[in-house]
Amino acid sequence: MWLTLAVVALLAGVASAYEVRGALEREREFHAAPACASAPAEASRCLWEQDFTVRKADMHRGERNQSAQAELLLPSGKPWRVTFRNTEPVASQLEPGDEVVGLIWYGQVVELRDADGRSQQTSDGPVGWPEDRLGGAFACFSFGVIALAGALWSLFARGRRGHEQAASVVRWHGVGLGVATILVLWVASAGDWPLWAIPAAWGGLALVFLTSMVASATATVRRGLESEEERAESGRMEGLK
């Protein structure tokens, strides 16, 4: 089971890391995009600001696997549905009848700005995706690499109690590092950290966990060896009797 979980986590980490470059390129393209000279008739790489009226908004609080969403109305009355990755700072404040401005890029509303000037990316917005993909890769690798090491150690150390216990210590340190990495990513997202800060914070966290893991595993192996020696000595004494 541990071996399967580790392999799945590593594959997910590779897939997430592979997407970082594309997400960075898309974000750079968005920031460099020019303003449209007139309302685009089709999906375009230029940016167009469109006025909308909020028809309804639903934050789906307490509902799993449900994104915050809002239904907007164009001046013509045509509805336009948008979703959000989180609820702050704009989505949670939306009320029916509110006037908002949507930023349209490639035919999608990628950002919404309210009457107070606050703006928020929608689920289609490119900003923030590189950090999410990089963070996902770190979280998966944090668990996957350590869990794989512990699983393989356990397989090759069957019958050697001290080593099996040490392998279990290694695996659970992988779980702990994975969970801690997710918490760091949550803080980074809430604090709007720059991309470089994520690997810097993760590196310090990983160093602490690895130091603890090595010390704990070494101590566990040593206790196991001492216990085996005591049992062997006890067996010899019983044989002499």
Protein backbone atom coordinates (compact mmCIF):
# COMPACT_ATOMS: atom_id res chain seq x y z
CA MET A 1 0.00 0.00 0.00
CA TRP A 2 2.75 2.45 0.94
CA LEU A 3 4.64 1.66 -2.24
CA THR A 4 1.55 2.31 -4.35
CA LEU A 5 0.80 5.59 -2.58
CA ALA A 6 4.39 6.74 -3.01
CA VAL A 7 4.44 5.98 -6.74
CA VAL A 8 1.08 7.72 -7.30
CA ALA A 9 2.30 10.79 -5.38
CA LEU A 10 5.52 10.93 -7.41
CA LEU A 11 3.62 10.68 -10.71
CA ALA A 12 1.28 13.48 -9.57
CA GLY A 13 4.32 15.56 -8.59
CA VAL A 14 5.92 15.07 -12.00
CA ALA A 15 2.68 16.08 -13.74
CA SER A 16 2.33 19.18 -11.56
CA ALA A 17 5.97 20.20 -12.08
CA TYR A 18 5.57 19.73 -15.83
CA GLU A 19 2.74 22.28 -15.83
CA VAL A 20 4.70 25.02 -14.03
CA ARG A 21 6.45 26.27 -17.16
CA GLY A 22 3.21 26.51 -19.15
CA ALA A 23 1.49 28.34 -16.29
CA LEU A 24 4.37 30.82 -16.09
CA GLU A 25 4.24 31.51 -19.82
CA ARG A 26 0.48 32.05 -19.70
CA GLU A 27 0.79 34.43 -16.74
CA ARG A 28 3.53 36.43 -18.52
CA GLU A 29 1.40 36.63 -21.66
CA PHE A 30 -1.50 37.97 -19.62
CA HIS A 31 0.59 40.69 -17.97
CA ALA A 32 2.01 41.71 -21.36
CA ALA A 33 -1.34 41.69 -23.16
CA PRO A 34 -2.38 45.07 -24.69
CA ALA A 35 -5.78 46.67 -24.20
CA CYS A 36 -8.32 46.04 -26.96
CA ALA A 37 -9.07 49.04 -29.19
CA SER A 38 -12.73 47.99 -29.35
CA ALA A 39 -14.93 45.22 -28.03
CA PRO A 40 -13.56 41.97 -29.54
CA ALA A 41 -16.02 40.02 -31.68
CA GLU A 42 -14.19 36.75 -30.92
CA ALA A 43 -11.72 35.36 -28.39
CA SER A 44 -8.66 37.63 -28.46
CA ARG A 45 -5.33 37.96 -26.64
CA CYS A 46 -6.01 41.64 -25.90
CA LEU A 47 -7.72 42.78 -22.68
CA TRP A 48 -11.22 44.21 -22.67
CA GLU A 49 -13.08 45.66 -19.67
CA GLN A 50 -16.79 44.84 -19.73
CA ASP A 51 -19.49 46.18 -17.42
CA PHE A 52 -21.71 43.57 -15.76
CA THR A 53 -24.57 43.48 -13.26
CA VAL A 54 -24.59 40.70 -10.69
CA ARG A 55 -27.69 38.56 -11.06
CA LYS A 56 -26.88 36.09 -8.28
CA ALA A 57 -23.90 34.79 -6.33
CA ASP A 58 -23.41 31.53 -4.44
CA MET A 59 -20.31 30.89 -2.34
CA HIS A 60 -21.20 27.22 -1.63
CA ARG A 61 -19.80 27.53 1.87
CA GLY A 62 -19.53 24.18 3.62
CA GLU A 63 -20.05 22.24 0.39
CA ARG A 64 -17.23 20.01 -0.77
CA ASN A 65 -15.98 20.11 -4.37
CA GLN A 66 -18.09 23.19 -5.10
CA SER A 67 -16.51 26.45 -6.28
CA ALA A 68 -17.80 29.91 -5.44
CA GLN A 69 -19.70 31.21 -8.45
CA ALA A 70 -21.68 34.17 -9.72
CA GLU A 71 -24.01 34.82 -12.61
CA LEU A 72 -23.40 38.15 -14.33
CA LEU A 73 -25.57 40.00 -16.83
CA LEU A 74 -24.29 41.94 -19.82
CA PRO A 75 -26.06 45.23 -20.66
CA SER A 76 -27.92 43.24 -23.33
CA GLY A 77 -29.27 40.92 -20.64
CA LYS A 78 -27.21 37.92 -21.72
CA PRO A 79 -26.03 35.88 -18.70
CA TRP A 80 -22.37 35.06 -18.10
CA ARG A 81 -21.37 32.57 -15.40
CA VAL A 82 -18.01 32.80 -13.61
CA THR A 83 -16.42 30.72 -10.86
CA PHE A 84 -13.72 31.56 -8.31
CA ARG A 85 -10.92 29.55 -6.69
CA ASN A 86 -11.56 31.33 -3.38
CA THR A 87 -14.06 33.81 -1.98
CA GLU A 88 -11.91 36.82 -1.12
CA PRO A 89 -11.74 39.72 -1.59
CA VAL A 90 -14.54 40.23 -4.13
CA ALA A 91 -16.65 37.09 -4.50
CA SER A 92 -17.89 36.99 -0.90
CA GLN A 93 -19.12 40.59 -1.17
CA LEU A 94 -21.19 40.16 -4.33
CA GLU A 95 -24.90 40.86 -4.06
CA PRO A 96 -27.65 40.81 -6.71
CA GLY A 97 -27.78 44.17 -8.45
CA ASP A 98 -24.12 45.08 -7.83
CA GLU A 99 -22.29 46.71 -10.72
CA VAL A 100 -18.93 45.10 -11.48
CA VAL A 101 -16.30 45.24 -14.22
CA GLY A 102 -15.04 42.02 -15.80
CA LEU A 103 -11.68 41.76 -17.54
CA ILE A 104 -12.06 39.58 -20.64
CA TRP A 105 -9.09 37.70 -22.13
CA TYR A 106 -9.31 35.00 -24.79
CA GLY A 107 -13.08 35.05 -24.46
CA GLN A 108 -13.09 34.41 -20.70
CA VAL A 109 -13.74 36.67 -17.72
CA VAL A 110 -10.38 36.30 -15.95
CA GLU A 111 -10.76 39.04 -13.34
CA LEU A 112 -13.60 40.84 -11.62
CA ARG A 113 -13.44 44.32 -10.09
CA ASP A 114 -16.11 45.70 -7.77
CA ALA A 115 -17.28 49.28 -7.21
CA ASP A 116 -14.70 49.77 -4.43
CA GLY A 117 -11.82 48.97 -6.78
CA ARG A 118 -11.04 45.55 -5.31
CA SER A 119 -10.16 42.92 -7.88
CA GLN A 120 -10.04 39.13 -7.86
CA GLN A 121 -9.03 36.49 -10.38
CA THR A 122 -11.69 34.05 -11.51
CA SER A 123 -11.03 30.34 -12.02
CA ASP A 124 -10.05 31.19 -15.62
CA GLY A 125 -7.51 33.80 -14.54
CA PRO A 126 -3.84 32.91 -15.15
CA VAL A 127 -2.38 34.70 -12.12
CA GLY A 128 -1.37 32.40 -9.27
CA TRP A 129 -1.39 29.12 -11.20
CA PRO A 130 2.45 28.81 -11.32
CA GLU A 131 2.58 28.98 -7.52
CA ASP A 132 -0.21 26.40 -7.24
CA ARG A 133 1.49 24.00 -9.63
CA LEU A 134 4.90 24.41 -7.98
CA GLY A 135 3.36 23.96 -4.55
CA GLY A 136 1.53 20.83 -5.67
CA ALA A 137 4.78 19.39 -6.99
CA PHE A 138 6.57 20.06 -3.68
CA ALA A 139 3.73 18.52 -1.65
CA CYS A 140 3.65 15.35 -3.78
CA PHE A 141 7.42 14.96 -3.89
CA SER A 142 7.71 15.64 -0.15
CA PHE A 143 5.55 12.64 0.63
CA GLY A 144 6.38 10.47 -2.38
CA VAL A 145 10.18 10.35 -2.15
CA ILE A 146 10.31 9.69 1.59
CA ALA A 147 7.41 7.22 1.54
CA LEU A 148 9.08 5.33 -1.34
CA ALA A 149 12.34 5.11 0.60
CA GLY A 150 10.51 3.82 3.66
CA ALA A 151 8.46 1.32 1.65
CA LEU A 152 11.52 -0.11 -0.12
CA TRP A 153 13.45 -0.27 3.16
CA SER A 154 10.60 -2.22 4.72
CA LEU A 155 10.49 -4.66 1.80
CA PHE A 156 14.21 -5.42 1.96
CA ALA A 157 14.31 -5.60 5.77
CA ARG A 158 11.58 -8.16 6.41
CA GLY A 159 12.24 -10.18 9.54
CA ARG A 160 14.55 -7.54 11.01
CA ARG A 161 12.32 -5.84 13.51
CA GLY A 162 14.51 -2.81 14.17
CA HIS A 163 14.82 -1.99 10.49
CA GLU A 164 11.10 -2.51 9.88
CA GLN A 165 10.28 -0.09 12.69
CA ALA A 166 12.79 2.43 11.34
CA ALA A 167 11.20 2.12 7.88
CA SER A 168 7.83 2.93 9.46
CA VAL A 169 9.37 6.00 11.10
CA VAL A 170 10.64 7.14 7.69
CA ARG A 171 7.25 6.66 6.03
CA TRP A 172 5.38 8.64 8.67
CA HIS A 173 7.91 11.45 8.43
CA GLY A 174 6.97 11.57 4.74
CA VAL A 175 3.33 11.99 5.71
CA GLY A 176 4.25 14.72 8.17
CA LEU A 177 6.34 16.61 5.63
CA GLY A 178 3.59 16.35 3.04
CA VAL A 179 0.99 17.77 5.44
CA ALA A 180 3.37 20.51 6.60
CA THR A 181 4.06 21.44 2.98
CA ILE A 182 0.34 21.82 2.31
CA LEU A 183 0.06 24.14 5.34
CA VAL A 184 2.96 26.24 4.04
CA LEU A 185 1.25 26.48 0.66
CA TRP A 186 -1.96 27.63 2.34
CA VAL A 187 -0.08 30.35 4.20
CA ALA A 188 1.75 31.33 1.01
CA SER A 189 -1.54 31.63 -0.87
CA ALA A 190 -3.19 33.67 1.90
CA GLY A 191 -0.13 35.93 2.17
CA ASP A 192 0.34 36.27 -1.60
CA TRP A 193 3.97 35.12 -1.39
CA PRO A 194 6.20 35.47 -4.50
CA LEU A 195 7.09 32.31 -6.39
CA TRP A 196 10.67 32.15 -5.08
CA ALA A 197 9.49 32.17 -1.44
CA ILE A 198 7.78 28.77 -1.78
CA PRO A 199 10.93 26.68 -2.43
CA ALA A 200 12.83 28.74 0.16
CA ALA A 201 10.26 28.00 2.87
CA TRP A 202 9.93 24.38 1.79
CA GLY A 203 13.71 23.90 1.88
CA GLY A 204 13.93 24.97 5.52
CA LEU A 205 10.94 22.80 6.43
CA ALA A 206 12.36 19.77 4.60
CA LEU A 207 15.71 20.17 6.37
CA VAL A 208 14.01 20.05 9.79
CA PHE A 209 11.98 16.94 8.89
CA LEU A 210 14.93 15.15 7.31
CA THR A 211 17.13 15.83 10.35
CA SER A 212 14.42 14.50 12.65
CA MET A 213 13.82 11.50 10.38
CA VAL A 214 17.48 10.47 10.24
CA ALA A 215 17.91 10.84 14.00
CA SER A 216 14.71 8.91 14.77
CA ALA A 217 15.41 6.12 12.27
CA THR A 218 19.00 5.72 13.51
CA ALA A 219 17.86 5.52 17.12
CA THR A 220 15.18 2.99 16.19
CA VAL A 221 17.66 0.74 14.37
CA ARG A 222 20.08 0.97 17.30
CA ARG A 223 17.36 -0.01 19.78
CA GLY A 224 16.38 -2.91 17.53
CA LEU A 225 19.95 -4.17 17.34
CA GLU A 226 20.35 -3.91 21.10
CA SER A 227 17.09 -5.79 21.59
CA GLU A 228 18.23 -8.54 19.20
CA GLU A 229 21.55 -8.83 21.03
CA GLU A 230 19.74 -9.09 24.36
CA ARG A 231 17.47 -11.83 23.02
CA ALA A 232 20.44 -13.67 21.56
CA GLU A 233 22.31 -13.41 24.86
CA SER A 234 19.22 -14.57 26.72
CA GLY A 235 18.98 -17.56 24.36
CA ARG A 236 22.58 -18.47 24.98
CA MET A 237 22.08 -18.29 28.73
CA GLU A 238 19.02 -20.52 28.50
CA GLY A 239 21.04 -23.00 26.41
CA LEU A 240 23.77 -23.14 29.04
CA LYS A 241 21.22 -23.92 31.72
